[in-house]
Amino acid sequence: APESAAKIVQQMADSGKLDTAVKILAQMKDRQAARVLAELPDVTLAAQLLDKLRLFKRTAPGTAATP
């Protein structure tokens, strides 16, 4: 559920594991990841994760760059 995943992502960010959280979000379908980000109470964190996720998807080997 997006609510549960958002809590886990928040905990990961709080413990300094932001890159790991981004990798997990990258494995999700875009809509699913968007729902998780929407459930985060900290909009600044959500924006930061989204920026990192876009960069990750652009630079990760084996992923297609999408505009």
Protein backbone atom coordinates (compact mmCIF):
# COMPACT_ATOMS: atom_id res chain seq x y z
CA ALA A 1 0.00 0.00 0.00
CA PRO A 2 1.30 3.50 -0.78
CA GLU A 3 0.79 4.64 2.82
CA SER A 4 2.96 1.85 4.21
CA ALA A 5 5.61 2.30 1.55
CA ALA A 6 5.71 6.06 2.23
CA LYS A 7 6.41 5.40 5.92
CA ILE A 8 9.26 3.08 5.00
CA VAL A 9 10.71 5.58 2.51
CA GLN A 10 10.47 8.31 5.17
CA GLN A 11 12.32 6.12 7.68
CA MET A 12 15.01 5.36 5.11
CA ALA A 13 15.47 9.05 4.36
CA ASP A 14 15.62 9.86 8.07
CA SER A 15 18.36 7.27 8.54
CA GLY A 16 20.45 8.57 5.64
CA LYS A 17 19.53 5.87 3.14
CA LEU A 18 18.10 8.23 0.53
CA ASP A 19 19.90 6.54 -2.37
CA THR A 20 18.50 3.15 -1.37
CA ALA A 21 15.01 4.63 -1.22
CA VAL A 22 15.49 6.03 -4.73
CA LYS A 23 16.59 2.62 -6.01
CA ILE A 24 13.48 1.03 -4.53
CA LEU A 25 11.21 3.68 -6.04
CA ALA A 26 12.93 3.14 -9.40
CA GLN A 27 11.90 -0.52 -9.35
CA MET A 28 8.24 0.46 -9.03
CA LYS A 29 5.95 1.36 -11.89
CA ASP A 30 5.75 5.13 -12.33
CA ARG A 31 2.17 5.38 -11.05
CA GLN A 32 2.96 3.30 -7.99
CA ALA A 33 6.02 5.40 -7.16
CA ALA A 34 3.95 8.57 -7.64
CA ARG A 35 1.37 7.31 -5.16
CA VAL A 36 4.09 6.61 -2.60
CA LEU A 37 5.62 10.07 -3.07
CA ALA A 38 2.17 11.65 -2.73
CA GLU A 39 1.73 9.99 0.66
CA LEU A 40 4.94 11.47 2.09
CA PRO A 41 4.13 14.13 4.69
CA ASP A 42 7.31 16.08 3.86
CA VAL A 43 6.81 17.68 0.43
CA THR A 44 10.44 18.80 0.36
CA LEU A 45 11.56 15.20 0.76
CA ALA A 46 9.12 14.08 -1.93
CA ALA A 47 10.53 16.67 -4.34
CA GLN A 48 14.11 15.66 -3.49
CA LEU A 49 13.32 11.99 -4.06
CA LEU A 50 11.60 12.78 -7.36
CA ASP A 51 14.63 14.73 -8.60
CA LYS A 52 16.98 11.93 -7.59
CA LEU A 53 14.66 9.35 -9.15
CA ARG A 54 14.61 11.19 -12.48
CA LEU A 55 18.39 11.45 -12.46
CA PHE A 56 18.73 7.78 -11.51
CA LYS A 57 16.45 6.64 -14.32
CA ARG A 58 18.35 8.80 -16.80
CA THR A 59 21.76 7.46 -15.84
CA ALA A 60 21.02 3.87 -14.79
CA PRO A 61 22.29 1.27 -17.23
CA GLY A 62 19.56 -0.60 -19.06
CA THR A 63 16.92 2.06 -18.62
CA ALA A 64 15.50 4.14 -21.41
CA ALA A 65 15.56 7.89 -21.02
CA THR A 66 12.09 9.34 -21.21
CA PRO A 67 11.36 13.07 -21.49
